[in-house]
Amino acid sequence: MEKALEIIDAIKAARQKTLELVRALSIDVISMKVHVFCMEDLEQIPGDYRVTKLRNSSSSFTCDFEYEATKIFGDVTFYCLLKLEQYEALRKAI
């Protein structure tokens, strides 16, 4: 029981530190992925981002988003979903 409480405390502390840096929509501690709200949040993470086209999805949420921007820092992948208009704006800014 004590080890389980230590794990919970560590996860809560990691969540709090993450939220101090970015607006996280979700944190997957198993695969070490953090879904951030937008590109401005992703830009808070050091390094270059990579954009990939998402595969078609039947989910009503992800069908609005055609691209995913990711940054890997340490062993953690930070990502945000992009609509076509957001992707095109990024391409123009480069």
PDB file of N, CA and C in Angstrom:
ATOM      1  N   MET A   1       0.827  -1.192   0.000  1.00  0.00           N
ATOM      2  CA  MET A   1       0.000   0.000   0.000  1.00  0.00           C
ATOM      3  C   MET A   1       0.871   1.257   0.000  1.00  0.00           C
ATOM      4  N   GLU A   2       1.954   1.235   0.784  1.00  0.00           N
ATOM      5  CA  GLU A   2       2.828   2.410   0.866  1.00  0.00           C
ATOM      6  C   GLU A   2       3.471   2.715  -0.487  1.00  0.00           C
ATOM      7  N   LYS A   3       3.913   1.680  -1.214  1.00  0.00           N
ATOM      8  CA  LYS A   3       4.511   1.883  -2.540  1.00  0.00           C
ATOM      9  C   LYS A   3       3.489   2.486  -3.501  1.00  0.00           C
ATOM     10  N   ALA A   4       2.255   2.032  -3.427  1.00  0.00           N
ATOM     11  CA  ALA A   4       1.201   2.570  -4.295  1.00  0.00           C
ATOM     12  C   ALA A   4       0.988   4.051  -4.016  1.00  0.00           C
ATOM     13  N   LEU A   5       1.011   4.439  -2.767  1.00  0.00           N
ATOM     14  CA  LEU A   5       0.853   5.850  -2.411  1.00  0.00           C
ATOM     15  C   LEU A   5       2.039   6.675  -2.905  1.00  0.00           C
ATOM     16  N   GLU A   6       3.244   6.112  -2.847  1.00  0.00           N
ATOM     17  CA  GLU A   6       4.425   6.803  -3.376  1.00  0.00           C
ATOM     18  C   GLU A   6       4.293   7.027  -4.880  1.00  0.00           C
ATOM     19  N   ILE A   7       3.792   6.016  -5.581  1.00  0.00           N
ATOM     20  CA  ILE A   7       3.593   6.138  -7.027  1.00  0.00           C
ATOM     21  C   ILE A   7       2.577   7.228  -7.333  1.00  0.00           C
ATOM     22  N   ILE A   8       1.478   7.233  -6.623  1.00  0.00           N
ATOM     23  CA  ILE A   8       0.437   8.248  -6.829  1.00  0.00           C
ATOM     24  C   ILE A   8       0.996   9.639  -6.581  1.00  0.00           C
ATOM     25  N   ASP A   9       1.756   9.799  -5.519  1.00  0.00           N
ATOM     26  CA  ASP A   9       2.357  11.107  -5.220  1.00  0.00           C
ATOM     27  C   ASP A   9       3.321  11.540  -6.324  1.00  0.00           C
ATOM     28  N   ALA A  10       4.109  10.603  -6.843  1.00  0.00           N
ATOM     29  CA  ALA A  10       5.060  10.928  -7.913  1.00  0.00           C
ATOM     30  C   ALA A  10       4.327  11.332  -9.190  1.00  0.00           C
ATOM     31  N   ILE A  11       3.256  10.631  -9.525  1.00  0.00           N
ATOM     32  CA  ILE A  11       2.473  10.972 -10.717  1.00  0.00           C
ATOM     33  C   ILE A  11       1.828  12.339 -10.557  1.00  0.00           C
ATOM     34  N   LYS A  12       1.277  12.617  -9.393  1.00  0.00           N
ATOM     35  CA  LYS A  12       0.658  13.925  -9.141  1.00  0.00           C
ATOM     36  C   LYS A  12       1.696  15.046  -9.221  1.00  0.00           C
ATOM     37  N   ALA A  13       2.885  14.802  -8.691  1.00  0.00           N
ATOM     38  CA  ALA A  13       3.945  15.815  -8.738  1.00  0.00           C
ATOM     39  C   ALA A  13       4.384  16.064 -10.181  1.00  0.00           C
ATOM     40  N   ALA A  14       4.510  15.004 -10.958  1.00  0.00           N
ATOM     41  CA  ALA A  14       4.885  15.152 -12.370  1.00  0.00           C
ATOM     42  C   ALA A  14       3.803  15.906 -13.132  1.00  0.00           C
ATOM     43  N   ARG A  15       2.563  15.607 -12.841  1.00  0.00           N
ATOM     44  CA  ARG A  15       1.451  16.312 -13.488  1.00  0.00           C
ATOM     45  C   ARG A  15       1.503  17.791 -13.159  1.00  0.00           C
ATOM     46  N   GLN A  16       1.713  18.121 -11.903  1.00  0.00           N
ATOM     47  CA  GLN A  16       1.748  19.521 -11.485  1.00  0.00           C
ATOM     48  C   GLN A  16       2.892  20.273 -12.167  1.00  0.00           C
ATOM     49  N   LYS A  17       4.068  19.677 -12.215  1.00  0.00           N
ATOM     50  CA  LYS A  17       5.212  20.316 -12.874  1.00  0.00           C
ATOM     51  C   LYS A  17       4.939  20.512 -14.365  1.00  0.00           C
ATOM     52  N   THR A  18       4.310  19.529 -14.998  1.00  0.00           N
ATOM     53  CA  THR A  18       3.971  19.643 -16.416  1.00  0.00           C
ATOM     54  C   THR A  18       3.014  20.797 -16.643  1.00  0.00           C
ATOM     55  N   LEU A  19       2.005  20.917 -15.798  1.00  0.00           N
ATOM     56  CA  LEU A  19       1.010  21.978 -15.952  1.00  0.00           C
ATOM     57  C   LEU A  19       1.585  23.362 -15.676  1.00  0.00           C
ATOM     58  N   GLU A  20       2.708  23.434 -14.992  1.00  0.00           N
ATOM     59  CA  GLU A  20       3.377  24.721 -14.793  1.00  0.00           C
ATOM     60  C   GLU A  20       4.039  25.199 -16.085  1.00  0.00           C
ATOM     61  N   LEU A  21       4.349  24.281 -16.985  1.00  0.00           N
ATOM     62  CA  LEU A  21       5.043  24.618 -18.228  1.00  0.00           C
ATOM     63  C   LEU A  21       4.094  24.740 -19.418  1.00  0.00           C
ATOM     64  N   VAL A  22       3.170  23.815 -19.550  1.00  0.00           N
ATOM     65  CA  VAL A  22       2.269  23.781 -20.708  1.00  0.00           C
ATOM     66  C   VAL A  22       0.842  23.506 -20.257  1.00  0.00           C
ATOM     67  N   ARG A  23      -0.094  23.813 -21.162  1.00  0.00           N
ATOM     68  CA  ARG A  23      -1.496  23.455 -20.916  1.00  0.00           C
ATOM     69  C   ARG A  23      -1.687  22.043 -21.462  1.00  0.00           C
ATOM     70  N   ALA A  24      -1.579  21.073 -20.588  1.00  0.00           N
ATOM     71  CA  ALA A  24      -1.677  19.674 -20.999  1.00  0.00           C
ATOM     72  C   ALA A  24      -3.135  19.233 -21.008  1.00  0.00           C
ATOM     73  N   LEU A  25      -3.532  18.572 -22.091  1.00  0.00           N
ATOM     74  CA  LEU A  25      -4.871  18.005 -22.173  1.00  0.00           C
ATOM     75  C   LEU A  25      -4.899  16.611 -21.579  1.00  0.00           C
ATOM     76  N   SER A  26      -3.799  15.879 -21.745  1.00  0.00           N
ATOM     77  CA  SER A  26      -3.695  14.558 -21.141  1.00  0.00           C
ATOM     78  C   SER A  26      -2.225  14.198 -20.963  1.00  0.00           C
ATOM     79  N   ILE A  27      -1.990  13.333 -20.004  1.00  0.00           N
ATOM     80  CA  ILE A  27      -0.637  12.842 -19.738  1.00  0.00           C
ATOM     81  C   ILE A  27      -0.725  11.325 -19.634  1.00  0.00           C
ATOM     82  N   ASP A  28      -0.030  10.626 -20.517  1.00  0.00           N
ATOM     83  CA  ASP A  28      -0.009   9.172 -20.506  1.00  0.00           C
ATOM     84  C   ASP A  28       1.319   8.739 -19.898  1.00  0.00           C
ATOM     85  N   VAL A  29       1.273   8.285 -18.656  1.00  0.00           N
ATOM     86  CA  VAL A  29       2.520   7.939 -17.964  1.00  0.00           C
ATOM     87  C   VAL A  29       3.091   6.607 -18.436  1.00  0.00           C
ATOM     88  N   ILE A  30       2.284   5.782 -19.068  1.00  0.00           N
ATOM     89  CA  ILE A  30       2.785   4.498 -19.559  1.00  0.00           C
ATOM     90  C   ILE A  30       3.654   4.712 -20.801  1.00  0.00           C
ATOM     91  N   SER A  31       3.116   5.420 -21.789  1.00  0.00           N
ATOM     92  CA  SER A  31       3.878   5.640 -23.025  1.00  0.00           C
ATOM     93  C   SER A  31       4.689   6.928 -22.980  1.00  0.00           C
ATOM     94  N   MET A  32       4.605   7.671 -21.882  1.00  0.00           N
ATOM     95  CA  MET A  32       5.356   8.914 -21.688  1.00  0.00           C
ATOM     96  C   MET A  32       5.022   9.929 -22.774  1.00  0.00           C
ATOM     97  N   LYS A  33       3.721  10.204 -22.936  1.00  0.00           N
ATOM     98  CA  LYS A  33       3.245  11.183 -23.907  1.00  0.00           C
ATOM     99  C   LYS A  33       2.430  12.246 -23.199  1.00  0.00           C
ATOM    100  N   VAL A  34       2.617  13.487 -23.640  1.00  0.00           N
ATOM    101  CA  VAL A  34       1.848  14.606 -23.101  1.00  0.00           C
ATOM    102  C   VAL A  34       1.156  15.295 -24.272  1.00  0.00           C
ATOM    103  N   HIS A  35      -0.162  15.309 -24.239  1.00  0.00           N
ATOM    104  CA  HIS A  35      -0.957  15.987 -25.272  1.00  0.00           C
ATOM    105  C   HIS A  35      -1.162  17.423 -24.809  1.00  0.00           C
ATOM    106  N   VAL A  36      -0.561  18.372 -25.533  1.00  0.00           N
ATOM    107  CA  VAL A  36      -0.678  19.784 -25.158  1.00  0.00           C
ATOM    108  C   VAL A  36      -1.755  20.457 -25.994  1.00  0.00           C
ATOM    109  N   PHE A  37      -2.200  21.602 -25.523  1.00  0.00           N
ATOM    110  CA  PHE A  37      -3.341  22.298 -26.097  1.00  0.00           C
ATOM    111  C   PHE A  37      -3.077  22.845 -27.497  1.00  0.00           C
ATOM    112  N   CYS A  38      -1.910  23.463 -27.710  1.00  0.00           N
ATOM    113  CA  CYS A  38      -1.668  24.128 -28.996  1.00  0.00           C
ATOM    114  C   CYS A  38      -0.163  24.254 -29.260  1.00  0.00           C
ATOM    115  N   MET A  39       0.175  24.784 -30.433  1.00  0.00           N
ATOM    116  CA  MET A  39       1.577  24.943 -30.818  1.00  0.00           C
ATOM    117  C   MET A  39       2.335  25.853 -29.853  1.00  0.00           C
ATOM    118  N   GLU A  40       1.672  26.853 -29.318  1.00  0.00           N
ATOM    119  CA  GLU A  40       2.342  27.742 -28.362  1.00  0.00           C
ATOM    120  C   GLU A  40       2.833  26.955 -27.150  1.00  0.00           C
ATOM    121  N   ASP A  41       2.050  25.966 -26.720  1.00  0.00           N
ATOM    122  CA  ASP A  41       2.494  25.108 -25.621  1.00  0.00           C
ATOM    123  C   ASP A  41       3.651  24.225 -26.072  1.00  0.00           C
ATOM    124  N   LEU A  42       3.558  23.695 -27.271  1.00  0.00           N
ATOM    125  CA  LEU A  42       4.620  22.832 -27.785  1.00  0.00           C
ATOM    126  C   LEU A  42       5.932  23.601 -27.914  1.00  0.00           C
ATOM    127  N   GLU A  43       5.850  24.881 -28.228  1.00  0.00           N
ATOM    128  CA  GLU A  43       7.054  25.702 -28.365  1.00  0.00           C
ATOM    129  C   GLU A  43       7.774  25.921 -27.037  1.00  0.00           C
ATOM    130  N   GLN A  44       7.135  25.638 -25.925  1.00  0.00           N
ATOM    131  CA  GLN A  44       7.782  25.749 -24.616  1.00  0.00           C
ATOM    132  C   GLN A  44       8.779  24.615 -24.380  1.00  0.00           C
ATOM    133  N   ILE A  45       8.679  23.587 -25.186  1.00  0.00           N
ATOM    134  CA  ILE A  45       9.552  22.422 -25.052  1.00  0.00           C
ATOM    135  C   ILE A  45      10.763  22.618 -25.967  1.00  0.00           C
ATOM    136  N   PRO A  46      11.985  22.394 -25.468  1.00  0.00           N
ATOM    137  CA  PRO A  46      13.180  22.570 -26.302  1.00  0.00           C
ATOM    138  C   PRO A  46      13.196  21.619 -27.501  1.00  0.00           C
ATOM    139  N   GLY A  47      13.819  22.068 -28.573  1.00  0.00           N
ATOM    140  CA  GLY A  47      13.999  21.224 -29.748  1.00  0.00           C
ATOM    141  C   GLY A  47      13.084  21.591 -30.895  1.00  0.00           C
ATOM    142  N   ASP A  48      13.280  20.883 -31.994  1.00  0.00           N
ATOM    143  CA  ASP A  48      12.491  21.100 -33.199  1.00  0.00           C
ATOM    144  C   ASP A  48      11.280  20.179 -33.190  1.00  0.00           C
ATOM    145  N   TYR A  49      10.208  20.657 -33.781  1.00  0.00           N
ATOM    146  CA  TYR A  49       9.025  19.812 -33.882  1.00  0.00           C
ATOM    147  C   TYR A  49       8.984  19.133 -35.245  1.00  0.00           C
ATOM    148  N   ARG A  50       8.230  18.064 -35.300  1.00  0.00           N
ATOM    149  CA  ARG A  50       8.005  17.320 -36.536  1.00  0.00           C
ATOM    150  C   ARG A  50       6.499  17.195 -36.727  1.00  0.00           C
ATOM    151  N   VAL A  51       6.042  17.414 -37.943  1.00  0.00           N
ATOM    152  CA  VAL A  51       4.615  17.310 -38.233  1.00  0.00           C
ATOM    153  C   VAL A  51       4.375  16.088 -39.105  1.00  0.00           C
ATOM    154  N   THR A  52       3.394  15.287 -38.714  1.00  0.00           N
ATOM    155  CA  THR A  52       3.019  14.120 -39.505  1.00  0.00           C
ATOM    156  C   THR A  52       1.522  14.150 -39.769  1.00  0.00           C
ATOM    157  N   LYS A  53       1.134  13.580 -40.886  1.00  0.00           N
ATOM    158  CA  LYS A  53      -0.280  13.478 -41.225  1.00  0.00           C
ATOM    159  C   LYS A  53      -0.869  12.292 -40.473  1.00  0.00           C
ATOM    160  N   LEU A  54      -2.024  12.509 -39.865  1.00  0.00           N
ATOM    161  CA  LEU A  54      -2.698  11.439 -39.140  1.00  0.00           C
ATOM    162  C   LEU A  54      -3.440  10.534 -40.114  1.00  0.00           C
ATOM    163  N   ARG A  55      -3.561   9.292 -39.744  1.00  0.00           N
ATOM    164  CA  ARG A  55      -4.381   8.367 -40.530  1.00  0.00           C
ATOM    165  C   ARG A  55      -5.845   8.688 -40.280  1.00  0.00           C
ATOM    166  N   ASN A  56      -6.693   8.291 -41.200  1.00  0.00           N
ATOM    167  CA  ASN A  56      -8.129   8.502 -41.008  1.00  0.00           C
ATOM    168  C   ASN A  56      -8.583   7.813 -39.737  1.00  0.00           C
ATOM    169  N   SER A  57      -9.460   8.489 -39.014  1.00  0.00           N
ATOM    170  CA  SER A  57      -9.960   7.937 -37.762  1.00  0.00           C
ATOM    171  C   SER A  57     -11.474   8.049 -37.745  1.00  0.00           C
ATOM    172  N   SER A  58     -12.108   7.088 -37.125  1.00  0.00           N
ATOM    173  CA  SER A  58     -13.565   7.141 -37.013  1.00  0.00           C
ATOM    174  C   SER A  58     -14.002   7.980 -35.822  1.00  0.00           C
ATOM    175  N   SER A  59     -13.067   8.384 -34.995  1.00  0.00           N
ATOM    176  CA  SER A  59     -13.395   9.204 -33.829  1.00  0.00           C
ATOM    177  C   SER A  59     -13.855  10.584 -34.279  1.00  0.00           C
ATOM    178  N   SER A  60     -14.957  11.048 -33.716  1.00  0.00           N
ATOM    179  CA  SER A  60     -15.475  12.368 -34.102  1.00  0.00           C
ATOM    180  C   SER A  60     -14.520  13.478 -33.679  1.00  0.00           C
ATOM    181  N   PHE A  61     -13.714  13.240 -32.641  1.00  0.00           N
ATOM    182  CA  PHE A  61     -12.761  14.252 -32.189  1.00  0.00           C
ATOM    183  C   PHE A  61     -11.593  14.370 -33.158  1.00  0.00           C
ATOM    184  N   THR A  62     -10.970  13.252 -33.460  1.00  0.00           N
ATOM    185  CA  THR A  62      -9.756  13.315 -34.268  1.00  0.00           C
ATOM    186  C   THR A  62     -10.021  13.553 -35.741  1.00  0.00           C
ATOM    187  N   CYS A  63     -11.255  13.349 -36.218  1.00  0.00           N
ATOM    188  CA  CYS A  63     -11.500  13.565 -37.648  1.00  0.00           C
ATOM    189  C   CYS A  63     -11.383  15.042 -38.014  1.00  0.00           C
ATOM    190  N   ASP A  64     -11.499  15.945 -37.061  1.00  0.00           N
ATOM    191  CA  ASP A  64     -11.302  17.372 -37.321  1.00  0.00           C
ATOM    192  C   ASP A  64      -9.823  17.726 -37.442  1.00  0.00           C
ATOM    193  N   PHE A  65      -8.969  16.866 -36.964  1.00  0.00           N
ATOM    194  CA  PHE A  65      -7.534  17.126 -36.940  1.00  0.00           C
ATOM    195  C   PHE A  65      -6.835  16.191 -37.920  1.00  0.00           C
ATOM    196  N   GLU A  66      -6.102  16.784 -38.844  1.00  0.00           N
ATOM    197  CA  GLU A  66      -5.450  15.986 -39.882  1.00  0.00           C
ATOM    198  C   GLU A  66      -3.964  15.778 -39.636  1.00  0.00           C
ATOM    199  N   TYR A  67      -3.374  16.575 -38.744  1.00  0.00           N
ATOM    200  CA  TYR A  67      -1.929  16.530 -38.522  1.00  0.00           C
ATOM    201  C   TYR A  67      -1.616  16.503 -37.030  1.00  0.00           C
ATOM    202  N   GLU A  68      -0.414  16.033 -36.734  1.00  0.00           N
ATOM    203  CA  GLU A  68       0.074  16.006 -35.359  1.00  0.00           C
ATOM    204  C   GLU A  68       1.488  16.578 -35.356  1.00  0.00           C
ATOM    205  N   ALA A  69       1.713  17.566 -34.506  1.00  0.00           N
ATOM    206  CA  ALA A  69       3.055  18.120 -34.318  1.00  0.00           C
ATOM    207  C   ALA A  69       3.628  17.504 -33.048  1.00  0.00           C
ATOM    208  N   THR A  70       4.865  17.015 -33.117  1.00  0.00           N
ATOM    209  CA  THR A  70       5.477  16.366 -31.960  1.00  0.00           C
ATOM    210  C   THR A  70       6.877  16.902 -31.704  1.00  0.00           C
ATOM    211  N   LYS A  71       7.241  16.872 -30.435  1.00  0.00           N
ATOM    212  CA  LYS A  71       8.614  17.112 -30.000  1.00  0.00           C
ATOM    213  C   LYS A  71       8.945  16.027 -28.995  1.00  0.00           C
ATOM    214  N   ILE A  72      10.139  15.497 -29.116  1.00  0.00           N
ATOM    215  CA  ILE A  72      10.597  14.514 -28.136  1.00  0.00           C
ATOM    216  C   ILE A  72      11.707  15.164 -27.339  1.00  0.00           C
ATOM    217  N   PHE A  73      11.531  15.179 -26.041  1.00  0.00           N
ATOM    218  CA  PHE A  73      12.526  15.764 -25.147  1.00  0.00           C
ATOM    219  C   PHE A  73      12.765  14.764 -24.033  1.00  0.00           C
ATOM    220  N   GLY A  74      13.996  14.329 -23.899  1.00  0.00           N
ATOM    221  CA  GLY A  74      14.272  13.251 -22.957  1.00  0.00           C
ATOM    222  C   GLY A  74      13.580  12.003 -23.484  1.00  0.00           C
ATOM    223  N   ASP A  75      12.848  11.348 -22.657  1.00  0.00           N
ATOM    224  CA  ASP A  75      12.089  10.160 -23.069  1.00  0.00           C
ATOM    225  C   ASP A  75      10.607  10.461 -23.234  1.00  0.00           C
ATOM    226  N   VAL A  76      10.247  11.731 -23.264  1.00  0.00           N
ATOM    227  CA  VAL A  76       8.834  12.115 -23.294  1.00  0.00           C
ATOM    228  C   VAL A  76       8.487  12.728 -24.647  1.00  0.00           C
ATOM    229  N   THR A  77       7.372  12.299 -25.208  1.00  0.00           N
ATOM    230  CA  THR A  77       6.850  12.868 -26.448  1.00  0.00           C
ATOM    231  C   THR A  77       5.758  13.869 -26.096  1.00  0.00           C
ATOM    232  N   PHE A  78       5.939  15.095 -26.543  1.00  0.00           N
ATOM    233  CA  PHE A  78       4.927  16.139 -26.393  1.00  0.00           C
ATOM    234  C   PHE A  78       4.288  16.324 -27.766  1.00  0.00           C
ATOM    235  N   TYR A  79       2.970  16.439 -27.815  1.00  0.00           N
ATOM    236  CA  TYR A  79       2.329  16.582 -29.115  1.00  0.00           C
ATOM    237  C   TYR A  79       1.056  17.418 -29.032  1.00  0.00           C
ATOM    238  N   CYS A  80       0.695  17.988 -30.177  1.00  0.00           N
ATOM    239  CA  CYS A  80      -0.602  18.654 -30.296  1.00  0.00           C
ATOM    240  C   CYS A  80      -1.185  18.307 -31.657  1.00  0.00           C
ATOM    241  N   LEU A  81      -2.495  18.298 -31.717  1.00  0.00           N
ATOM    242  CA  LEU A  81      -3.199  17.997 -32.954  1.00  0.00           C
ATOM    243  C   LEU A  81      -3.455  19.288 -33.709  1.00  0.00           C
ATOM    244  N   LEU A  82      -3.384  19.208 -35.034  1.00  0.00           N
ATOM    245  CA  LEU A  82      -3.549  20.389 -35.877  1.00  0.00           C
ATOM    246  C   LEU A  82      -4.634  20.165 -36.917  1.00  0.00           C
ATOM    247  N   LYS A  83      -5.451  21.178 -37.115  1.00  0.00           N
ATOM    248  CA  LYS A  83      -6.395  21.171 -38.226  1.00  0.00           C
ATOM    249  C   LYS A  83      -5.627  21.589 -39.474  1.00  0.00           C
ATOM    250  N   LEU A  84      -6.213  21.357 -40.624  1.00  0.00           N
ATOM    251  CA  LEU A  84      -5.559  21.678 -41.889  1.00  0.00           C
ATOM    252  C   LEU A  84      -5.133  23.142 -41.941  1.00  0.00           C
ATOM    253  N   GLU A  85      -5.981  24.045 -41.482  1.00  0.00           N
ATOM    254  CA  GLU A  85      -5.660  25.475 -41.506  1.00  0.00           C
ATOM    255  C   GLU A  85      -4.445  25.794 -40.636  1.00  0.00           C
ATOM    256  N   GLN A  86      -4.344  25.142 -39.487  1.00  0.00           N
ATOM    257  CA  GLN A  86      -3.202  25.357 -38.598  1.00  0.00           C
ATOM    258  C   GLN A  86      -1.920  24.836 -39.243  1.00  0.00           C
ATOM    259  N   TYR A  87      -2.017  23.688 -39.877  1.00  0.00           N
ATOM    260  CA  TYR A  87      -0.865  23.110 -40.566  1.00  0.00           C
ATOM    261  C   TYR A  87      -0.394  24.032 -41.688  1.00  0.00           C
ATOM    262  N   GLU A  88      -1.329  24.533 -42.474  1.00  0.00           N
ATOM    263  CA  GLU A  88      -0.970  25.427 -43.573  1.00  0.00           C
ATOM    264  C   GLU A  88      -0.339  26.715 -43.058  1.00  0.00           C
ATOM    265  N   ALA A  89      -0.827  27.234 -41.936  1.00  0.00           N
ATOM    266  CA  ALA A  89      -0.234  28.438 -41.340  1.00  0.00           C
ATOM    267  C   ALA A  89       1.197  28.169 -40.893  1.00  0.00           C
ATOM    268  N   LEU A  90       1.457  26.994 -40.343  1.00  0.00           N
ATOM    269  CA  LEU A  90       2.822  26.623 -39.946  1.00  0.00           C
ATOM    270  C   LEU A  90       3.740  26.563 -41.162  1.00  0.00           C
ATOM    271  N   ARG A  91       3.267  25.979 -42.231  1.00  0.00           N
ATOM    272  CA  ARG A  91       4.080  25.862 -43.455  1.00  0.00           C
ATOM    273  C   ARG A  91       4.412  27.232 -44.020  1.00  0.00           C
ATOM    274  N   LYS A  92       3.478  28.163 -43.948  1.00  0.00           N
ATOM    275  CA  LYS A  92       3.721  29.516 -44.453  1.00  0.00           C
ATOM    276  C   LYS A  92       4.729  30.258 -43.588  1.00  0.00           C
ATOM    277  N   ALA A  93       4.739  29.956 -42.293  1.00  0.00           N
ATOM    278  CA  ALA A  93       5.627  30.648 -41.358  1.00  0.00           C
ATOM    279  C   ALA A  93       7.079  30.203 -41.506  1.00  0.00           C
ATOM    280  N   ILE A  94       7.295  29.061 -42.108  1.00  0.00           N
ATOM    281  CA  ILE A  94       8.664  28.521 -42.247  1.00  0.00           C
ATOM    282  C   ILE A  94       9.404  29.232 -43.347  1.00  0.00           C
TER     283      ILE A  94
END
